[in-house]
Structures are given as structure tokens and as C-alpha cells.
Amino acid sequence: MSASKSARKLREIAAGWPTDPFRPNIQLKNFLQSLASHPNLTPQAVQAARGLLENNIQKKYPLSNRTLQPASMPKHYERLIQGYERSARGTGRPWWQIFFGIWR
């Protein structure tokens, strides 16, 4: 694969990369776009970026329910994702829910 073809593919991957709402000034998308102009860009780097975008490792090695819902705190990861999504929207729990440990 030629360098220009690799650069074009990496720019396509960067265009499809989601933005990070918590770090507006540091985006992986910008890094990948600047990496596309690197003179030593290899096809392996392009494949690695595509694998990250498509969650290949997560598909190859899926997590079991025992891992995702540990017996000590079965809703831990679910709450973690909910908190992340709420924080990205700018909403949170009221102080009294935090104080009493109430999750919805």
C-alpha cells in the first residue's frame, strides 16, 4: 500500500472518529489527521487505527456477565456509563441523591 493511499485511509478513519466531550481541546481525531501526513506512516498503523474505531478487540474477546456484573456491585459499570453520559449532557444527580446513595 502506498503512502498516499495509507494517508487517505487514515484521514477517512479520523473523519469517522467520535469527538470527546470532556476534552474539547485534545481530540484523537486531530491526532490521526496529523499522523496521516507523517512520512513514515505504515499500513500497520492504519490497520491499528481502524481496529480501534471498529472495536475489534472487544469483538474478539467479549467480556462475560461475571466481569460486567460482579457479585459485589452488579450495577457498577452500568452506573458508570450512565454517569458518563449524564456528565456529557451536562446533567447530574441532585445533592440529596448523592448524599443518600440513590441511583436511578
PDB file of N, CA and C in Angstrom:
ATOM      1  N   MET A   1       0.851  -1.173   0.000  1.00  0.00           N
ATOM      2  CA  MET A   1       0.000   0.000   0.000  1.00  0.00           C
ATOM      3  C   MET A   1       0.895   1.234   0.000  1.00  0.00           C
ATOM      4  N   SER A   2       0.626   2.172  -0.876  1.00  0.00           N
ATOM      5  CA  SER A   2       1.448   3.365  -0.972  1.00  0.00           C
ATOM      6  C   SER A   2       1.165   4.307   0.194  1.00  0.00           C
ATOM      7  N   ALA A   3       2.091   5.244   0.383  1.00  0.00           N
ATOM      8  CA  ALA A   3       1.961   6.189   1.499  1.00  0.00           C
ATOM      9  C   ALA A   3       0.732   7.076   1.327  1.00  0.00           C
ATOM     10  N   SER A   4       0.443   7.487   0.087  1.00  0.00           N
ATOM     11  CA  SER A   4      -0.711   8.363  -0.129  1.00  0.00           C
ATOM     12  C   SER A   4      -2.022   7.607   0.118  1.00  0.00           C
ATOM     13  N   LYS A   5      -2.047   6.335  -0.244  1.00  0.00           N
ATOM     14  CA  LYS A   5      -3.240   5.525  -0.004  1.00  0.00           C
ATOM     15  C   LYS A   5      -3.451   5.328   1.502  1.00  0.00           C
ATOM     16  N   SER A   6      -2.365   5.074   2.229  1.00  0.00           N
ATOM     17  CA  SER A   6      -2.447   4.928   3.683  1.00  0.00           C
ATOM     18  C   SER A   6      -2.909   6.225   4.318  1.00  0.00           C
ATOM     19  N   ALA A   7      -2.376   7.337   3.840  1.00  0.00           N
ATOM     20  CA  ALA A   7      -2.760   8.643   4.388  1.00  0.00           C
ATOM     21  C   ALA A   7      -4.239   8.917   4.139  1.00  0.00           C
ATOM     22  N   ARG A   8      -4.720   8.571   2.963  1.00  0.00           N
ATOM     23  CA  ARG A   8      -6.134   8.786   2.643  1.00  0.00           C
ATOM     24  C   ARG A   8      -7.027   7.928   3.544  1.00  0.00           C
ATOM     25  N   LYS A   9      -6.629   6.669   3.739  1.00  0.00           N
ATOM     26  CA  LYS A   9      -7.426   5.781   4.596  1.00  0.00           C
ATOM     27  C   LYS A   9      -7.424   6.267   6.047  1.00  0.00           C
ATOM     28  N   LEU A  10      -6.277   6.761   6.508  1.00  0.00           N
ATOM     29  CA  LEU A  10      -6.214   7.251   7.877  1.00  0.00           C
ATOM     30  C   LEU A  10      -7.050   8.521   8.044  1.00  0.00           C
ATOM     31  N   ARG A  11      -7.091   9.357   7.034  1.00  0.00           N
ATOM     32  CA  ARG A  11      -7.954  10.550   7.094  1.00  0.00           C
ATOM     33  C   ARG A  11      -9.432  10.143   7.134  1.00  0.00           C
ATOM     34  N   GLU A  12      -9.795   9.091   6.413  1.00  0.00           N
ATOM     35  CA  GLU A  12     -11.176   8.587   6.454  1.00  0.00           C
ATOM     36  C   GLU A  12     -11.516   8.057   7.850  1.00  0.00           C
ATOM     37  N   ILE A  13     -10.570   7.358   8.459  1.00  0.00           N
ATOM     38  CA  ILE A  13     -10.779   6.847   9.813  1.00  0.00           C
ATOM     39  C   ILE A  13     -10.936   8.017  10.780  1.00  0.00           C
ATOM     40  N   ALA A  14     -10.084   9.020  10.628  1.00  0.00           N
ATOM     41  CA  ALA A  14     -10.149  10.192  11.508  1.00  0.00           C
ATOM     42  C   ALA A  14     -11.473  10.925  11.352  1.00  0.00           C
ATOM     43  N   ALA A  15     -12.010  10.972  10.150  1.00  0.00           N
ATOM     44  CA  ALA A  15     -13.280  11.654   9.925  1.00  0.00           C
ATOM     45  C   ALA A  15     -14.430  10.931  10.636  1.00  0.00           C
ATOM     46  N   GLY A  16     -14.337   9.628  10.778  1.00  0.00           N
ATOM     47  CA  GLY A  16     -15.386   8.866  11.435  1.00  0.00           C
ATOM     48  C   GLY A  16     -15.217   8.742  12.942  1.00  0.00           C
ATOM     49  N   TRP A  17     -14.126   9.304  13.470  1.00  0.00           N
ATOM     50  CA  TRP A  17     -13.849   9.170  14.893  1.00  0.00           C
ATOM     51  C   TRP A  17     -14.769  10.083  15.708  1.00  0.00           C
ATOM     52  N   PRO A  18     -15.385   9.573  16.780  1.00  0.00           N
ATOM     53  CA  PRO A  18     -16.270  10.423  17.596  1.00  0.00           C
ATOM     54  C   PRO A  18     -15.471  11.453  18.386  1.00  0.00           C
ATOM     55  N   THR A  19     -16.107  12.580  18.665  1.00  0.00           N
ATOM     56  CA  THR A  19     -15.434  13.621  19.442  1.00  0.00           C
ATOM     57  C   THR A  19     -15.577  13.333  20.931  1.00  0.00           C
ATOM     58  N   ASP A  20     -14.610  13.765  21.691  1.00  0.00           N
ATOM     59  CA  ASP A  20     -14.611  13.582  23.141  1.00  0.00           C
ATOM     60  C   ASP A  20     -15.193  14.832  23.782  1.00  0.00           C
ATOM     61  N   PRO A  21     -16.361  14.733  24.435  1.00  0.00           N
ATOM     62  CA  PRO A  21     -16.974  15.925  25.014  1.00  0.00           C
ATOM     63  C   PRO A  21     -16.230  16.455  26.234  1.00  0.00           C
ATOM     64  N   PHE A  22     -15.378  15.643  26.850  1.00  0.00           N
ATOM     65  CA  PHE A  22     -14.687  16.065  28.061  1.00  0.00           C
ATOM     66  C   PHE A  22     -13.346  16.735  27.790  1.00  0.00           C
ATOM     67  N   ARG A  23     -12.815  16.543  26.611  1.00  0.00           N
ATOM     68  CA  ARG A  23     -11.545  17.177  26.242  1.00  0.00           C
ATOM     69  C   ARG A  23     -11.692  17.847  24.880  1.00  0.00           C
ATOM     70  N   PRO A  24     -12.361  18.984  24.840  1.00  0.00           N
ATOM     71  CA  PRO A  24     -12.589  19.618  23.535  1.00  0.00           C
ATOM     72  C   PRO A  24     -11.307  20.104  22.853  1.00  0.00           C
ATOM     73  N   ASN A  25     -10.268  20.356  23.631  1.00  0.00           N
ATOM     74  CA  ASN A  25      -9.030  20.851  23.025  1.00  0.00           C
ATOM     75  C   ASN A  25      -8.060  19.739  22.649  1.00  0.00           C
ATOM     76  N   ILE A  26      -8.311  18.502  23.095  1.00  0.00           N
ATOM     77  CA  ILE A  26      -7.450  17.367  22.745  1.00  0.00           C
ATOM     78  C   ILE A  26      -8.337  16.287  22.137  1.00  0.00           C
ATOM     79  N   GLN A  27      -8.283  16.142  20.837  1.00  0.00           N
ATOM     80  CA  GLN A  27      -9.116  15.163  20.142  1.00  0.00           C
ATOM     81  C   GLN A  27      -8.228  14.152  19.422  1.00  0.00           C
ATOM     82  N   LEU A  28      -8.583  12.883  19.532  1.00  0.00           N
ATOM     83  CA  LEU A  28      -7.844  11.839  18.825  1.00  0.00           C
ATOM     84  C   LEU A  28      -8.004  12.008  17.319  1.00  0.00           C
ATOM     85  N   LYS A  29      -9.131  12.558  16.916  1.00  0.00           N
ATOM     86  CA  LYS A  29      -9.383  12.822  15.501  1.00  0.00           C
ATOM     87  C   LYS A  29      -8.299  13.744  14.924  1.00  0.00           C
ATOM     88  N   ASN A  30      -7.953  14.797  15.654  1.00  0.00           N
ATOM     89  CA  ASN A  30      -6.915  15.729  15.187  1.00  0.00           C
ATOM     90  C   ASN A  30      -5.555  15.051  15.119  1.00  0.00           C
ATOM     91  N   PHE A  31      -5.266  14.199  16.102  1.00  0.00           N
ATOM     92  CA  PHE A  31      -4.004  13.478  16.096  1.00  0.00           C
ATOM     93  C   PHE A  31      -3.903  12.559  14.882  1.00  0.00           C
ATOM     94  N   LEU A  32      -4.974  11.834  14.590  1.00  0.00           N
ATOM     95  CA  LEU A  32      -4.954  10.919  13.446  1.00  0.00           C
ATOM     96  C   LEU A  32      -4.815  11.683  12.129  1.00  0.00           C
ATOM     97  N   GLN A  33      -5.446  12.846  12.027  1.00  0.00           N
ATOM     98  CA  GLN A  33      -5.311  13.649  10.813  1.00  0.00           C
ATOM     99  C   GLN A  33      -3.883  14.148  10.637  1.00  0.00           C
ATOM    100  N   SER A  34      -3.240  14.546  11.718  1.00  0.00           N
ATOM    101  CA  SER A  34      -1.853  14.993  11.598  1.00  0.00           C
ATOM    102  C   SER A  34      -0.922  13.804  11.350  1.00  0.00           C
ATOM    103  N   LEU A  35      -1.265  12.638  11.898  1.00  0.00           N
ATOM    104  CA  LEU A  35      -0.465  11.438  11.665  1.00  0.00           C
ATOM    105  C   LEU A  35      -0.524  11.010  10.200  1.00  0.00           C
ATOM    106  N   ALA A  36      -1.601  11.323   9.530  1.00  0.00           N
ATOM    107  CA  ALA A  36      -1.745  10.953   8.119  1.00  0.00           C
ATOM    108  C   ALA A  36      -0.685  11.622   7.248  1.00  0.00           C
ATOM    109  N   SER A  37      -0.164  12.748   7.673  1.00  0.00           N
ATOM    110  CA  SER A  37       0.859  13.433   6.878  1.00  0.00           C
ATOM    111  C   SER A  37       2.283  13.044   7.288  1.00  0.00           C
ATOM    112  N   HIS A  38       2.420  12.093   8.204  1.00  0.00           N
ATOM    113  CA  HIS A  38       3.751  11.654   8.637  1.00  0.00           C
ATOM    114  C   HIS A  38       4.423  10.885   7.509  1.00  0.00           C
ATOM    115  N   PRO A  39       5.710  11.136   7.265  1.00  0.00           N
ATOM    116  CA  PRO A  39       6.379  10.472   6.132  1.00  0.00           C
ATOM    117  C   PRO A  39       6.575   8.964   6.324  1.00  0.00           C
ATOM    118  N   ASN A  40       6.608   8.492   7.548  1.00  0.00           N
ATOM    119  CA  ASN A  40       6.840   7.062   7.805  1.00  0.00           C
ATOM    120  C   ASN A  40       5.561   6.324   8.203  1.00  0.00           C
ATOM    121  N   LEU A  41       4.437   6.757   7.699  1.00  0.00           N
ATOM    122  CA  LEU A  41       3.167   6.110   8.009  1.00  0.00           C
ATOM    123  C   LEU A  41       3.151   4.710   7.395  1.00  0.00           C
ATOM    124  N   THR A  42       2.788   3.731   8.218  1.00  0.00           N
ATOM    125  CA  THR A  42       2.782   2.346   7.751  1.00  0.00           C
ATOM    126  C   THR A  42       1.344   1.822   7.654  1.00  0.00           C
ATOM    127  N   PRO A  43       1.127   0.825   6.833  1.00  0.00           N
ATOM    128  CA  PRO A  43      -0.207   0.210   6.761  1.00  0.00           C
ATOM    129  C   PRO A  43      -0.637  -0.412   8.091  1.00  0.00           C
ATOM    130  N   GLN A  44       0.342  -0.855   8.891  1.00  0.00           N
ATOM    131  CA  GLN A  44       0.008  -1.429  10.193  1.00  0.00           C
ATOM    132  C   GLN A  44      -0.600  -0.370  11.114  1.00  0.00           C
ATOM    133  N   ALA A  45      -0.119   0.869  11.041  1.00  0.00           N
ATOM    134  CA  ALA A  45      -0.676   1.950  11.852  1.00  0.00           C
ATOM    135  C   ALA A  45      -2.111   2.248  11.422  1.00  0.00           C
ATOM    136  N   VAL A  46      -2.366   2.184  10.129  1.00  0.00           N
ATOM    137  CA  VAL A  46      -3.714   2.418   9.618  1.00  0.00           C
ATOM    138  C   VAL A  46      -4.643   1.290  10.081  1.00  0.00           C
ATOM    139  N   GLN A  47      -4.164   0.053  10.016  1.00  0.00           N
ATOM    140  CA  GLN A  47      -4.970  -1.086  10.473  1.00  0.00           C
ATOM    141  C   GLN A  47      -5.251  -0.995  11.969  1.00  0.00           C
ATOM    142  N   ALA A  48      -4.273  -0.550  12.748  1.00  0.00           N
ATOM    143  CA  ALA A  48      -4.469  -0.414  14.190  1.00  0.00           C
ATOM    144  C   ALA A  48      -5.529   0.649  14.483  1.00  0.00           C
ATOM    145  N   ALA A  49      -5.485   1.769  13.783  1.00  0.00           N
ATOM    146  CA  ALA A  49      -6.483   2.821  13.980  1.00  0.00           C
ATOM    147  C   ALA A  49      -7.873   2.334  13.582  1.00  0.00           C
ATOM    148  N   ARG A  50      -7.958   1.600  12.486  1.00  0.00           N
ATOM    149  CA  ARG A  50      -9.257   1.050  12.063  1.00  0.00           C
ATOM    150  C   ARG A  50      -9.768   0.043  13.094  1.00  0.00           C
ATOM    151  N   GLY A  51      -8.877  -0.770  13.638  1.00  0.00           N
ATOM    152  CA  GLY A  51      -9.265  -1.736  14.667  1.00  0.00           C
ATOM    153  C   GLY A  51      -9.802  -1.050  15.917  1.00  0.00           C
ATOM    154  N   LEU A  52      -9.195   0.065  16.304  1.00  0.00           N
ATOM    155  CA  LEU A  52      -9.692   0.823  17.449  1.00  0.00           C
ATOM    156  C   LEU A  52     -11.079   1.404  17.166  1.00  0.00           C
ATOM    157  N   LEU A  53     -11.258   1.933  15.972  1.00  0.00           N
ATOM    158  CA  LEU A  53     -12.537   2.540  15.617  1.00  0.00           C
ATOM    159  C   LEU A  53     -13.657   1.504  15.582  1.00  0.00           C
ATOM    160  N   GLU A  54     -13.350   0.312  15.110  1.00  0.00           N
ATOM    161  CA  GLU A  54     -14.368  -0.731  14.949  1.00  0.00           C
ATOM    162  C   GLU A  54     -14.481  -1.665  16.157  1.00  0.00           C
ATOM    163  N   ASN A  55     -13.754  -1.396  17.226  1.00  0.00           N
ATOM    164  CA  ASN A  55     -13.791  -2.216  18.453  1.00  0.00           C
ATOM    165  C   ASN A  55     -13.467  -3.678  18.176  1.00  0.00           C
ATOM    166  N   ASN A  56     -12.446  -3.933  17.398  1.00  0.00           N
ATOM    167  CA  ASN A  56     -12.101  -5.311  17.040  1.00  0.00           C
ATOM    168  C   ASN A  56     -11.721  -6.159  18.247  1.00  0.00           C
ATOM    169  N   ILE A  57     -10.999  -5.583  19.204  1.00  0.00           N
ATOM    170  CA  ILE A  57     -10.576  -6.351  20.375  1.00  0.00           C
ATOM    171  C   ILE A  57     -11.790  -6.725  21.224  1.00  0.00           C
ATOM    172  N   GLN A  58     -12.720  -5.792  21.364  1.00  0.00           N
ATOM    173  CA  GLN A  58     -13.927  -6.081  22.142  1.00  0.00           C
ATOM    174  C   GLN A  58     -14.752  -7.179  21.471  1.00  0.00           C
ATOM    175  N   LYS A  59     -14.753  -7.212  20.163  1.00  0.00           N
ATOM    176  CA  LYS A  59     -15.485  -8.261  19.442  1.00  0.00           C
ATOM    177  C   LYS A  59     -14.748  -9.599  19.535  1.00  0.00           C
ATOM    178  N   LYS A  60     -13.419  -9.558  19.496  1.00  0.00           N
ATOM    179  CA  LYS A  60     -12.638 -10.784  19.527  1.00  0.00           C
ATOM    180  C   LYS A  60     -12.633 -11.406  20.929  1.00  0.00           C
ATOM    181  N   TYR A  61     -12.580 -10.558  21.958  1.00  0.00           N
ATOM    182  CA  TYR A  61     -12.543 -11.020  23.334  1.00  0.00           C
ATOM    183  C   TYR A  61     -13.701 -10.393  24.119  1.00  0.00           C
ATOM    184  N   PRO A  62     -14.923 -10.892  23.933  1.00  0.00           N
ATOM    185  CA  PRO A  62     -16.064 -10.293  24.644  1.00  0.00           C
ATOM    186  C   PRO A  62     -15.975 -10.560  26.150  1.00  0.00           C
ATOM    187  N   LEU A  63     -16.494  -9.611  26.920  1.00  0.00           N
ATOM    188  CA  LEU A  63     -16.493  -9.741  28.371  1.00  0.00           C
ATOM    189  C   LEU A  63     -17.706 -10.538  28.829  1.00  0.00           C
ATOM    190  N   SER A  64     -17.497 -11.386  29.819  1.00  0.00           N
ATOM    191  CA  SER A  64     -18.600 -12.205  30.331  1.00  0.00           C
ATOM    192  C   SER A  64     -19.477 -11.381  31.268  1.00  0.00           C
ATOM    193  N   ASN A  65     -20.652 -11.893  31.565  1.00  0.00           N
ATOM    194  CA  ASN A  65     -21.543 -11.220  32.514  1.00  0.00           C
ATOM    195  C   ASN A  65     -20.944 -11.174  33.903  1.00  0.00           C
ATOM    196  N   ARG A  66     -20.139 -12.152  34.266  1.00  0.00           N
ATOM    197  CA  ARG A  66     -19.482 -12.136  35.581  1.00  0.00           C
ATOM    198  C   ARG A  66     -18.524 -10.966  35.684  1.00  0.00           C
ATOM    199  N   THR A  67     -17.905 -10.601  34.588  1.00  0.00           N
ATOM    200  CA  THR A  67     -16.995  -9.467  34.597  1.00  0.00           C
ATOM    201  C   THR A  67     -17.763  -8.152  34.582  1.00  0.00           C
ATOM    202  N   LEU A  68     -18.801  -8.087  33.766  1.00  0.00           N
ATOM    203  CA  LEU A  68     -19.569  -6.848  33.637  1.00  0.00           C
ATOM    204  C   LEU A  68     -20.490  -6.593  34.827  1.00  0.00           C
ATOM    205  N   GLN A  69     -20.876  -7.651  35.530  1.00  0.00           N
ATOM    206  CA  GLN A  69     -21.762  -7.515  36.689  1.00  0.00           C
ATOM    207  C   GLN A  69     -21.185  -8.311  37.856  1.00  0.00           C
ATOM    208  N   PRO A  70     -20.130  -7.771  38.503  1.00  0.00           N
ATOM    209  CA  PRO A  70     -19.525  -8.516  39.614  1.00  0.00           C
ATOM    210  C   PRO A  70     -20.507  -8.676  40.770  1.00  0.00           C
ATOM    211  N   ALA A  71     -20.361  -9.744  41.521  1.00  0.00           N
ATOM    212  CA  ALA A  71     -21.293 -10.053  42.608  1.00  0.00           C
ATOM    213  C   ALA A  71     -21.304  -8.961  43.672  1.00  0.00           C
ATOM    214  N   SER A  72     -20.188  -8.297  43.904  1.00  0.00           N
ATOM    215  CA  SER A  72     -20.130  -7.280  44.946  1.00  0.00           C
ATOM    216  C   SER A  72     -20.883  -6.005  44.558  1.00  0.00           C
ATOM    217  N   MET A  73     -20.870  -5.648  43.296  1.00  0.00           N
ATOM    218  CA  MET A  73     -21.573  -4.447  42.813  1.00  0.00           C
ATOM    219  C   MET A  73     -22.087  -4.714  41.403  1.00  0.00           C
ATOM    220  N   PRO A  74     -23.230  -5.378  41.254  1.00  0.00           N
ATOM    221  CA  PRO A  74     -23.690  -5.786  39.929  1.00  0.00           C
ATOM    222  C   PRO A  74     -24.015  -4.640  38.979  1.00  0.00           C
ATOM    223  N   LYS A  75     -24.339  -3.465  39.479  1.00  0.00           N
ATOM    224  CA  LYS A  75     -24.710  -2.349  38.609  1.00  0.00           C
ATOM    225  C   LYS A  75     -23.586  -1.334  38.446  1.00  0.00           C
ATOM    226  N   HIS A  76     -22.381  -1.663  38.877  1.00  0.00           N
ATOM    227  CA  HIS A  76     -21.286  -0.700  38.879  1.00  0.00           C
ATOM    228  C   HIS A  76     -20.994  -0.121  37.492  1.00  0.00           C
ATOM    229  N   TYR A  77     -20.773  -0.965  36.512  1.00  0.00           N
ATOM    230  CA  TYR A  77     -20.400  -0.484  35.181  1.00  0.00           C
ATOM    231  C   TYR A  77     -21.572   0.199  34.485  1.00  0.00           C
ATOM    232  N   GLU A  78     -22.777  -0.284  34.739  1.00  0.00           N
ATOM    233  CA  GLU A  78     -23.965   0.355  34.182  1.00  0.00           C
ATOM    234  C   GLU A  78     -24.093   1.787  34.721  1.00  0.00           C
ATOM    235  N   ARG A  79     -23.875   1.957  36.016  1.00  0.00           N
ATOM    236  CA  ARG A  79     -23.935   3.292  36.624  1.00  0.00           C
ATOM    237  C   ARG A  79     -22.801   4.177  36.140  1.00  0.00           C
ATOM    238  N   LEU A  80     -21.656   3.585  35.928  1.00  0.00           N
ATOM    239  CA  LEU A  80     -20.509   4.333  35.424  1.00  0.00           C
ATOM    240  C   LEU A  80     -20.803   4.911  34.042  1.00  0.00           C
ATOM    241  N   ILE A  81     -21.405   4.113  33.189  1.00  0.00           N
ATOM    242  CA  ILE A  81     -21.769   4.572  31.841  1.00  0.00           C
ATOM    243  C   ILE A  81     -22.861   5.633  31.917  1.00  0.00           C
ATOM    244  N   GLN A  82     -23.850   5.426  32.787  1.00  0.00           N
ATOM    245  CA  GLN A  82     -24.902   6.433  32.951  1.00  0.00           C
ATOM    246  C   GLN A  82     -24.327   7.752  33.440  1.00  0.00           C
ATOM    247  N   GLY A  83     -23.411   7.700  34.388  1.00  0.00           N
ATOM    248  CA  GLY A  83     -22.782   8.920  34.888  1.00  0.00           C
ATOM    249  C   GLY A  83     -21.988   9.626  33.815  1.00  0.00           C
ATOM    250  N   TYR A  84     -21.284   8.867  32.997  1.00  0.00           N
ATOM    251  CA  TYR A  84     -20.514   9.442  31.900  1.00  0.00           C
ATOM    252  C   TYR A  84     -21.445  10.137  30.900  1.00  0.00           C
ATOM    253  N   GLU A  85     -22.536   9.460  30.538  1.00  0.00           N
ATOM    254  CA  GLU A  85     -23.476  10.040  29.571  1.00  0.00           C
ATOM    255  C   GLU A  85     -24.168  11.278  30.137  1.00  0.00           C
ATOM    256  N   ARG A  86     -24.548  11.228  31.406  1.00  0.00           N
ATOM    257  CA  ARG A  86     -25.177  12.406  32.024  1.00  0.00           C
ATOM    258  C   ARG A  86     -24.199  13.570  32.104  1.00  0.00           C
ATOM    259  N   SER A  87     -22.979  13.264  32.442  1.00  0.00           N
ATOM    260  CA  SER A  87     -21.967  14.310  32.538  1.00  0.00           C
ATOM    261  C   SER A  87     -21.703  14.932  31.174  1.00  0.00           C
ATOM    262  N   ALA A  88     -21.712  14.119  30.130  1.00  0.00           N
ATOM    263  CA  ALA A  88     -21.511  14.647  28.777  1.00  0.00           C
ATOM    264  C   ALA A  88     -22.654  15.567  28.369  1.00  0.00           C
ATOM    265  N   ARG A  89     -23.870  15.274  28.855  1.00  0.00           N
ATOM    266  CA  ARG A  89     -25.019  16.137  28.568  1.00  0.00           C
ATOM    267  C   ARG A  89     -25.052  17.367  29.470  1.00  0.00           C
ATOM    268  N   GLY A  90     -24.287  17.321  30.564  1.00  0.00           N
ATOM    269  CA  GLY A  90     -24.273  18.442  31.492  1.00  0.00           C
ATOM    270  C   GLY A  90     -25.297  18.330  32.605  1.00  0.00           C
ATOM    271  N   THR A  91     -25.868  17.149  32.772  1.00  0.00           N
ATOM    272  CA  THR A  91     -26.830  16.939  33.851  1.00  0.00           C
ATOM    273  C   THR A  91     -26.212  16.029  34.896  1.00  0.00           C
ATOM    274  N   GLY A  92     -26.717  16.122  36.084  1.00  0.00           N
ATOM    275  CA  GLY A  92     -26.207  15.281  37.157  1.00  0.00           C
ATOM    276  C   GLY A  92     -27.312  14.933  38.124  1.00  0.00           C
ATOM    277  N   ARG A  93     -26.947  14.234  39.186  1.00  0.00           N
ATOM    278  CA  ARG A  93     -27.920  13.887  40.213  1.00  0.00           C
ATOM    279  C   ARG A  93     -28.024  15.039  41.209  1.00  0.00           C
ATOM    280  N   PRO A  94     -29.196  15.234  41.791  1.00  0.00           N
ATOM    281  CA  PRO A  94     -29.319  16.238  42.845  1.00  0.00           C
ATOM    282  C   PRO A  94     -28.457  15.846  44.049  1.00  0.00           C
ATOM    283  N   TRP A  95     -28.117  16.818  44.871  1.00  0.00           N
ATOM    284  CA  TRP A  95     -27.234  16.573  46.005  1.00  0.00           C
ATOM    285  C   TRP A  95     -27.796  15.525  46.956  1.00  0.00           C
ATOM    286  N   TRP A  96     -29.106  15.493  47.128  1.00  0.00           N
ATOM    287  CA  TRP A  96     -29.687  14.563  48.080  1.00  0.00           C
ATOM    288  C   TRP A  96     -29.602  13.127  47.588  1.00  0.00           C
ATOM    289  N   GLN A  97     -29.639  12.922  46.263  1.00  0.00           N
ATOM    290  CA  GLN A  97     -29.462  11.564  45.734  1.00  0.00           C
ATOM    291  C   GLN A  97     -28.022  11.113  45.936  1.00  0.00           C
ATOM    292  N   ILE A  98     -27.091  12.025  45.786  1.00  0.00           N
ATOM    293  CA  ILE A  98     -25.682  11.694  46.013  1.00  0.00           C
ATOM    294  C   ILE A  98     -25.475  11.372  47.500  1.00  0.00           C
ATOM    295  N   PHE A  99     -26.043  12.205  48.364  1.00  0.00           N
ATOM    296  CA  PHE A  99     -25.873  12.038  49.809  1.00  0.00           C
ATOM    297  C   PHE A  99     -26.431  10.698  50.286  1.00  0.00           C
ATOM    298  N   PHE A 100     -27.623  10.336  49.825  1.00  0.00           N
ATOM    299  CA  PHE A 100     -28.260   9.093  50.260  1.00  0.00           C
ATOM    300  C   PHE A 100     -27.893   7.893  49.398  1.00  0.00           C
ATOM    301  N   GLY A 101     -27.081   8.100  48.375  1.00  0.00           N
ATOM    302  CA  GLY A 101     -26.651   6.987  47.529  1.00  0.00           C
ATOM    303  C   GLY A 101     -27.756   6.413  46.672  1.00  0.00           C
ATOM    304  N   ILE A 102     -28.652   7.276  46.179  1.00  0.00           N
ATOM    305  CA  ILE A 102     -29.779   6.824  45.360  1.00  0.00           C
ATOM    306  C   ILE A 102     -29.379   6.910  43.888  1.00  0.00           C
ATOM    307  N   TRP A 103     -29.515   5.789  43.180  1.00  0.00           N
ATOM    308  CA  TRP A 103     -29.230   5.728  41.744  1.00  0.00           C
ATOM    309  C   TRP A 103     -30.511   5.420  41.003  1.00  0.00           C
ATOM    310  N   ARG A 104     -30.683   6.009  39.877  1.00  0.00           N
ATOM    311  CA  ARG A 104     -31.859   5.716  39.058  1.00  0.00           C
ATOM    312  C   ARG A 104     -31.445   5.207  37.721  1.00  0.00           C
TER     313      ARG A 104
END
